[in-house]
Structure formats: structure tokens, C-alpha cells
C-alpha atoms as a PDB file:
ATOM      1  CA  UNK A   1     170.634  84.018  83.970  1.00  0.00           C
ATOM      2  CA  UNK A   2     168.272  86.953  83.943  1.00  0.00           C
ATOM      3  CA  UNK A   3     164.614  87.876  83.658  1.00  0.00           C
ATOM      4  CA  UNK A   4     162.117  89.822  82.202  1.00  0.00           C
ATOM      5  CA  UNK A   5     161.948  91.718  85.427  1.00  0.00           C
ATOM      6  CA  UNK A   6     163.666  95.088  85.375  1.00  0.00           C
ATOM      7  CA  UNK A   7     166.261  95.142  88.187  1.00  0.00           C
ATOM      8  CA  UNK A   8     164.800  91.682  89.171  1.00  0.00           C
ATOM      9  CA  UNK A   9     161.951  93.309  90.703  1.00  0.00           C
ATOM     10  CA  UNK A  10     158.356  92.877  89.650  1.00  0.00           C
ATOM     11  CA  UNK A  11     154.566  92.919  90.847  1.00  0.00           C
ATOM     12  CA  UNK A  12     152.092  90.213  91.932  1.00  0.00           C
ATOM     13  CA  UNK A  13     150.333  89.816  88.966  1.00  0.00           C
ATOM     14  CA  UNK A  14     153.480  89.530  86.669  1.00  0.00           C
ATOM     15  CA  UNK A  15     154.649  86.600  85.231  1.00  0.00           C
ATOM     16  CA  UNK A  16     158.414  85.863  85.477  1.00  0.00           C
ATOM     17  CA  UNK A  17     160.464  84.565  82.454  1.00  0.00           C
ATOM     18  CA  UNK A  18     163.946  82.964  83.341  1.00  0.00           C
ATOM     19  CA  UNK A  19     166.423  83.159  80.805  1.00  0.00           C
ATOM     20  CA  UNK A  20     169.681  80.831  81.035  1.00  0.00           C
ATOM     21  CA  UNK A  21     172.377  82.703  80.114  1.00  0.00           C
ATOM     22  CA  UNK A  22     174.865  79.814  80.919  1.00  0.00           C
ATOM     23  CA  UNK A  23     177.240  78.695  78.105  1.00  0.00           C
ATOM     24  CA  UNK A  24     176.411  75.462  76.280  1.00  0.00           C
ATOM     25  CA  UNK A  25     179.364  73.306  76.436  1.00  0.00           C
ATOM     26  CA  UNK A  26     179.433  69.640  75.187  1.00  0.00           C
ATOM     27  CA  UNK A  27     179.039  67.065  76.561  1.00  0.00           C
ATOM     28  CA  UNK A  28     175.292  68.215  77.754  1.00  0.00           C
ATOM     29  CA  UNK A  29     175.453  70.483  80.968  1.00  0.00           C
ATOM     30  CA  UNK A  30     173.346  69.522  83.894  1.00  0.00           C
ATOM     31  CA  UNK A  31     171.023  72.363  85.487  1.00  0.00           C
ATOM     32  CA  UNK A  32     169.737  73.052  88.819  1.00  0.00           C
ATOM     33  CA  UNK A  33     167.295  75.977  89.426  1.00  0.00           C
ATOM     34  CA  UNK A  34     166.051  76.882  92.761  1.00  0.00           C
ATOM     35  CA  UNK A  35     163.128  79.529  92.680  1.00  0.00           C
ATOM     36  CA  UNK A  36     162.772  80.105  96.079  1.00  0.00           C
ATOM     37  CA  UNK A  37     160.201  79.329  98.331  1.00  0.00           C
ATOM     38  CA  UNK A  38     160.891  75.731  98.072  1.00  0.00           C
ATOM     39  CA  UNK A  39     160.118  75.363  94.188  1.00  0.00           C
ATOM     40  CA  UNK A  40     163.188  73.736  92.186  1.00  0.00           C
ATOM     41  CA  UNK A  41     163.732  72.131  88.809  1.00  0.00           C
ATOM     42  CA  UNK A  42     166.698  69.856  87.486  1.00  0.00           C
ATOM     43  CA  UNK A  43     167.952  69.479  84.027  1.00  0.00           C
ATOM     44  CA  UNK A  44     166.042  71.771  82.481  1.00  0.00           C
ATOM     45  CA  UNK A  45     167.888  74.474  80.386  1.00  0.00           C
ATOM     46  CA  UNK A  46     164.964  77.034  80.557  1.00  0.00           C
ATOM     47  CA  UNK A  47     162.568  76.892  83.022  1.00  0.00           C
ATOM     48  CA  UNK A  48     158.724  77.798  82.304  1.00  0.00           C
ATOM     49  CA  UNK A  49     157.425  80.932  83.665  1.00  0.00           C
ATOM     50  CA  UNK A  50     156.473  81.680  87.104  1.00  0.00           C
ATOM     51  CA  UNK A  51     154.018  83.880  89.299  1.00  0.00           C
ATOM     52  CA  UNK A  52     155.148  84.868  92.738  1.00  0.00           C
ATOM     53  CA  UNK A  53     153.285  86.230  95.629  1.00  0.00           C
ATOM     54  CA  UNK A  54     154.607  89.444  97.400  1.00  0.00           C
ATOM     55  CA  UNK A  55     157.892  88.710  99.002  1.00  0.00           C
ATOM     56  CA  UNK A  56     161.718  88.474  98.439  1.00  0.00           C
ATOM     57  CA  UNK A  57     162.634  84.886  96.550  1.00  0.00           C
ATOM     58  CA  UNK A  58     166.663  84.081  96.383  1.00  0.00           C
ATOM     59  CA  UNK A  59     166.840  82.338  93.079  1.00  0.00           C
ATOM     60  CA  UNK A  60     169.462  80.060  92.073  1.00  0.00           C
ATOM     61  CA  UNK A  61     170.811  78.068  88.908  1.00  0.00           C
ATOM     62  CA  UNK A  62     173.495  75.554  89.134  1.00  0.00           C
ATOM     63  CA  UNK A  63     175.160  74.586  85.795  1.00  0.00           C
ATOM     64  CA  UNK A  64     177.837  71.596  85.878  1.00  0.00           C
ATOM     65  CA  UNK A  65     179.554  69.510  83.357  1.00  0.00           C
ATOM     66  CA  UNK A  66     182.296  67.072  83.394  1.00  0.00           C
ATOM     67  CA  UNK A  67     184.659  70.404  83.767  1.00  0.00           C
ATOM     68  CA  UNK A  68     183.135  71.602  87.003  1.00  0.00           C
ATOM     69  CA  UNK A  69     180.322  73.377  88.166  1.00  0.00           C
ATOM     70  CA  UNK A  70     179.083  77.408  88.588  1.00  0.00           C
ATOM     71  CA  UNK A  71     176.593  78.891  90.240  1.00  0.00           C
ATOM     72  CA  UNK A  72     174.227  82.427  90.048  1.00  0.00           C
ATOM     73  CA  UNK A  73     172.144  84.061  92.460  1.00  0.00           C
ATOM     74  CA  UNK A  74     169.922  86.876  92.047  1.00  0.00           C
ATOM     75  CA  UNK A  75     167.171  88.089  94.595  1.00  0.00           C
ATOM     76  CA  UNK A  76     163.546  88.529  93.188  1.00  0.00           C
ATOM     77  CA  UNK A  77     161.617  91.387  94.912  1.00  0.00           C
ATOM     78  CA  UNK A  78     157.847  90.991  94.158  1.00  0.00           C
ATOM     79  CA  UNK A  79     155.621  93.945  95.272  1.00  0.00           C
ATOM     80  CA  UNK A  80     152.025  93.214  96.331  1.00  0.00           C
ATOM     81  CA  UNK A  81     149.445  95.032  94.031  1.00  0.00           C
ATOM     82  CA  UNK A  82     147.662  98.122  95.659  1.00  0.00           C
ATOM     83  CA  UNK A  83     144.062  97.450  96.356  1.00  0.00           C
ATOM     84  CA  UNK A  84     141.345 100.095  95.196  1.00  0.00           C
ATOM     85  CA  UNK A  85     138.679 100.759  97.823  1.00  0.00           C
ATOM     86  CA  UNK A  86     136.734 104.606  97.305  1.00  0.00           C
ATOM     87  CA  UNK A  87     133.358 105.155  98.338  1.00  0.00           C
ATOM     88  CA  UNK A  88     131.390 107.931  96.474  1.00  0.00           C
ATOM     89  CA  UNK A  89     129.116 109.864  98.476  1.00  0.00           C
ATOM     90  CA  UNK A  90     126.323 110.094  95.665  1.00  0.00           C
ATOM     91  CA  UNK A  91     126.419 108.934  91.963  1.00  0.00           C
ATOM     92  CA  UNK A  92     123.287 110.256  90.970  1.00  0.00           C
ATOM     93  CA  UNK A  93     121.734 113.666  90.779  1.00  0.00           C
ATOM     94  CA  UNK A  94     121.343 117.041  89.129  1.00  0.00           C
ATOM     95  CA  UNK A  95     123.707 119.514  87.123  1.00  0.00           C
ATOM     96  CA  UNK A  96     125.830 121.236  89.692  1.00  0.00           C
ATOM     97  CA  UNK A  97     126.031 118.217  92.139  1.00  0.00           C
ATOM     98  CA  UNK A  98     128.980 118.212  94.350  1.00  0.00           C
ATOM     99  CA  UNK A  99     130.736 114.560  94.741  1.00  0.00           C
ATOM    100  CA  UNK A 100     132.986 113.950  97.754  1.00  0.00           C
ATOM    101  CA  UNK A 101     135.435 110.648  97.471  1.00  0.00           C
ATOM    102  CA  UNK A 102     136.414 108.652 100.590  1.00  0.00           C
ATOM    103  CA  UNK A 103     139.803 106.445  99.739  1.00  0.00           C
ATOM    104  CA  UNK A 104     140.789 103.441 102.193  1.00  0.00           C
ATOM    105  CA  UNK A 105     142.881 102.173  99.305  1.00  0.00           C
ATOM    106  CA  UNK A 106     146.203 100.713  99.985  1.00  0.00           C
ATOM    107  CA  UNK A 107     149.320 103.198 100.499  1.00  0.00           C
ATOM    108  CA  UNK A 108     150.861 103.917  96.958  1.00  0.00           C
ATOM    109  CA  UNK A 109     153.927 105.685  95.794  1.00  0.00           C
ATOM    110  CA  UNK A 110     151.856 107.986  93.534  1.00  0.00           C
ATOM    111  CA  UNK A 111     147.919 108.399  92.934  1.00  0.00           C
ATOM    112  CA  UNK A 112     146.117 109.950  89.604  1.00  0.00           C
ATOM    113  CA  UNK A 113     142.620 110.770  89.459  1.00  0.00           C
ATOM    114  CA  UNK A 114     140.622 111.996  86.513  1.00  0.00           C
ATOM    115  CA  UNK A 115     137.431 113.694  86.918  1.00  0.00           C
ATOM    116  CA  UNK A 116     136.768 114.366  83.241  1.00  0.00           C
ATOM    117  CA  UNK A 117     136.345 117.854  81.241  1.00  0.00           C
ATOM    118  CA  UNK A 118     133.063 118.785  82.958  1.00  0.00           C
ATOM    119  CA  UNK A 119     133.906 119.124  86.550  1.00  0.00           C
ATOM    120  CA  UNK A 120     134.673 122.114  88.388  1.00  0.00           C
ATOM    121  CA  UNK A 121     137.473 122.602  89.574  1.00  0.00           C
ATOM    122  CA  UNK A 122     138.550 121.599  85.973  1.00  0.00           C
ATOM    123  CA  UNK A 123     141.314 119.472  87.331  1.00  0.00           C
ATOM    124  CA  UNK A 124     142.821 115.949  88.215  1.00  0.00           C
ATOM    125  CA  UNK A 125     144.316 115.206  91.658  1.00  0.00           C
ATOM    126  CA  UNK A 126     147.272 113.401  92.507  1.00  0.00           C
ATOM    127  CA  UNK A 127     146.370 113.590  96.180  1.00  0.00           C
ATOM    128  CA  UNK A 128     145.484 110.384  98.131  1.00  0.00           C
ATOM    129  CA  UNK A 129     142.565 112.185  99.133  1.00  0.00           C
ATOM    130  CA  UNK A 130     140.786 114.199  95.971  1.00  0.00           C
ATOM    131  CA  UNK A 131     138.958 117.578  96.686  1.00  0.00           C
ATOM    132  CA  UNK A 132     135.307 117.438  96.338  1.00  0.00           C
ATOM    133  CA  UNK A 133     134.104 117.510  92.885  1.00  0.00           C
ATOM    134  CA  UNK A 134     131.049 119.506  91.162  1.00  0.00           C
ATOM    135  CA  UNK A 135     129.817 118.125  88.345  1.00  0.00           C
ATOM    136  CA  UNK A 136     128.615 121.175  85.695  1.00  0.00           C
ATOM    137  CA  UNK A 137     127.364 119.139  82.543  1.00  0.00           C
ATOM    138  CA  UNK A 138     124.643 116.100  82.453  1.00  0.00           C
ATOM    139  CA  UNK A 139     125.321 112.708  81.554  1.00  0.00           C
ATOM    140  CA  UNK A 140     127.328 109.675  82.522  1.00  0.00           C
ATOM    141  CA  UNK A 141     130.513 110.959  83.738  1.00  0.00           C
ATOM    142  CA  UNK A 142     133.593 108.657  84.305  1.00  0.00           C
ATOM    143  CA  UNK A 143     136.074 109.202  87.066  1.00  0.00           C
ATOM    144  CA  UNK A 144     139.539 107.448  86.899  1.00  0.00           C
ATOM    145  CA  UNK A 145     141.904 106.454  90.030  1.00  0.00           C
ATOM    146  CA  UNK A 146     145.170 104.766  89.539  1.00  0.00           C
ATOM    147  CA  UNK A 147     147.569 103.832  92.086  1.00  0.00           C
ATOM    148  CA  UNK A 148     151.256 103.181  91.864  1.00  0.00           C
ATOM    149  CA  UNK A 149     153.088 101.379  94.194  1.00  0.00           C
ATOM    150  CA  UNK A 150     156.512 101.068  92.956  1.00  0.00           C
ATOM    151  CA  UNK A 151     155.862 100.530  89.315  1.00  0.00           C
ATOM    152  CA  UNK A 152     152.828  98.153  90.408  1.00  0.00           C
ATOM    153  CA  UNK A 153     149.681  99.915  88.933  1.00  0.00           C
ATOM    154  CA  UNK A 154     145.942  99.310  89.124  1.00  0.00           C
ATOM    155  CA  UNK A 155     143.358 101.230  87.949  1.00  0.00           C
ATOM    156  CA  UNK A 156     139.413 101.413  88.773  1.00  0.00           C
ATOM    157  CA  UNK A 157     136.759 103.672  86.977  1.00  0.00           C
ATOM    158  CA  UNK A 158     133.664 105.035  88.742  1.00  0.00           C
ATOM    159  CA  UNK A 159     130.725 106.568  87.161  1.00  0.00           C
ATOM    160  CA  UNK A 160     128.231 109.190  88.001  1.00  0.00           C
ATOM    161  CA  UNK A 161     124.766 110.138  86.328  1.00  0.00           C
ATOM    162  CA  UNK A 162     123.942 113.406  86.119  1.00  0.00           C
ATOM    163  CA  UNK A 163     120.426 114.989  85.197  1.00  0.00           C
ATOM    164  CA  UNK A 164     119.939 117.895  83.431  1.00  0.00           C
ATOM    165  CA  UNK A 165     118.195 120.623  85.265  1.00  0.00           C
ATOM    166  CA  UNK A 166     114.637 120.798  83.615  1.00  0.00           C
ATOM    167  CA  UNK A 167     113.933 123.424  81.042  1.00  0.00           C
ATOM    168  CA  UNK A 168     109.949 123.888  80.966  1.00  0.00           C
ATOM    169  CA  UNK A 169     108.625 125.778  77.750  1.00  0.00           C
ATOM    170  CA  UNK A 170     104.931 126.035  76.542  1.00  0.00           C
ATOM    171  CA  UNK A 171     102.451 128.091  74.444  1.00  0.00           C
ATOM    172  CA  UNK A 172      99.375 129.602  74.610  1.00  0.00           C
ATOM    173  CA  UNK A 173      96.488 130.211  72.088  1.00  0.00           C
ATOM    174  CA  UNK A 174      95.051 132.698  72.212  1.00  0.00           C
ATOM    175  CA  UNK A 175      97.422 135.299  74.170  1.00  0.00           C
ATOM    176  CA  UNK A 176      94.704 137.957  74.503  1.00  0.00           C
ATOM    177  CA  UNK A 177      91.193 138.220  74.645  1.00  0.00           C
ATOM    178  CA  UNK A 178      88.152 139.108  76.623  1.00  0.00           C
ATOM    179  CA  UNK A 179      86.890 137.530  79.607  1.00  0.00           C
ATOM    180  CA  UNK A 180      86.161 134.665  79.949  1.00  0.00           C
ATOM    181  CA  UNK A 181      88.756 133.314  77.877  1.00  0.00           C
ATOM    182  CA  UNK A 182      89.477 130.158  77.235  1.00  0.00           C
ATOM    183  CA  UNK A 183      93.153 129.438  76.570  1.00  0.00           C
ATOM    184  CA  UNK A 184      94.859 126.479  75.271  1.00  0.00           C
ATOM    185  CA  UNK A 185      98.216 125.771  76.840  1.00  0.00           C
ATOM    186  CA  UNK A 186     100.659 123.318  74.766  1.00  0.00           C
ATOM    187  CA  UNK A 187     103.649 122.002  76.833  1.00  0.00           C
ATOM    188  CA  UNK A 188     106.790 122.624  74.595  1.00  0.00           C
ATOM    189  CA  UNK A 189     109.377 121.323  77.252  1.00  0.00           C
ATOM    190  CA  UNK A 190     112.190 119.308  76.066  1.00  0.00           C
ATOM    191  CA  UNK A 191     111.504 115.374  76.625  1.00  0.00           C
ATOM    192  CA  UNK A 192     114.090 115.288  79.436  1.00  0.00           C
ATOM    193  CA  UNK A 193     112.464 118.011  81.359  1.00  0.00           C
END
């Protein structure tokens, strides 16, 4: 038999499909599947998909007919999915705000942070604990974090709201004259100021 898993290894969230590679000889074969962990089936050529929790599972198929039996074994290794747990120092502020990240996620074999294009330094990170990031443009900024544990990948996104620095402009009329001068001021600042 074989599975849809590369090298008989997969992740907790992955469905395992089993494929019977036994030669079908008349009269009808008898089959016994042992999926490890106390789960088994009889007289099923191709079993239904199965989901496993993390661990090692010795899987066996026994095929038989009037001429004899044959047995094949493989061990299925299921890796637990990593978990993401990240705290952000502040998720709202003004242009120029610096954000620190505290990562207490599960340990993985690799990490990837994408802070977007509007940050300083303009970089992504492959570190478990990324450096502080300064946001230099306003708007809703997305941060992507990814953990890979032996091919089991989880991703999460975080958002930071960055407000623009206010711009104040006005006009005055008249600009000059004799005292006492009555001047009218008109606010021409952008709406977001």
C-alpha cells in the first residue's frame, strides 16, 4: 500500500488517503487493515480517508486468498501543527510608530515575517523574535507570520492602524491693513488633520 503522504509523514490537519497496491487475484481477496492506535477494518479494498493526531502509527495491510497471505507495514509519522502566539506592543499609532513583537509561539524549523512595504527597515525576517519595526506610511498595515515545522505550516496575520501626521493649513483675509484690522481665518486643512 501507499499513501498521499510524502515519505509516510504528514501533519495533524492533513487527511491521509490509503491506496491498496495489492494485486487483485480471483477468487476475491480478503483484506485486513490495521491503522495503528486500535483502528482496523476487514474486507475493504480501499479504506476511507483517515485523520490522525500527532504521533507514530504502525500501519499494516494483510491481503489473502486461497493461495496464501502477504503483509506490508509502514509507519505513519504525524507531526503536530505549530501554534502561533504573538503579542504586539501597540496596534494603533501615528506615522513613525515603532512596534515590538513578543513571540511565544511553538518552536518550528523555520519562521517568516512579512511586515509589508511601508516599514523601516524595509525587510522581512526569518527570526523567531523579529526586530522592532517602524511604520513610515499611514493606513491599515498587514503583518504576516508563518511557522514551518517539518512541512507543517501555519500562518497568521496581524494589523496595525497607522494614522497620518496632521497637516494644518489656513488662509486669512485680508492679509494686511490698518489697526484695528478684522481678519477672517479659514481652515483649509485636509479632513484627516
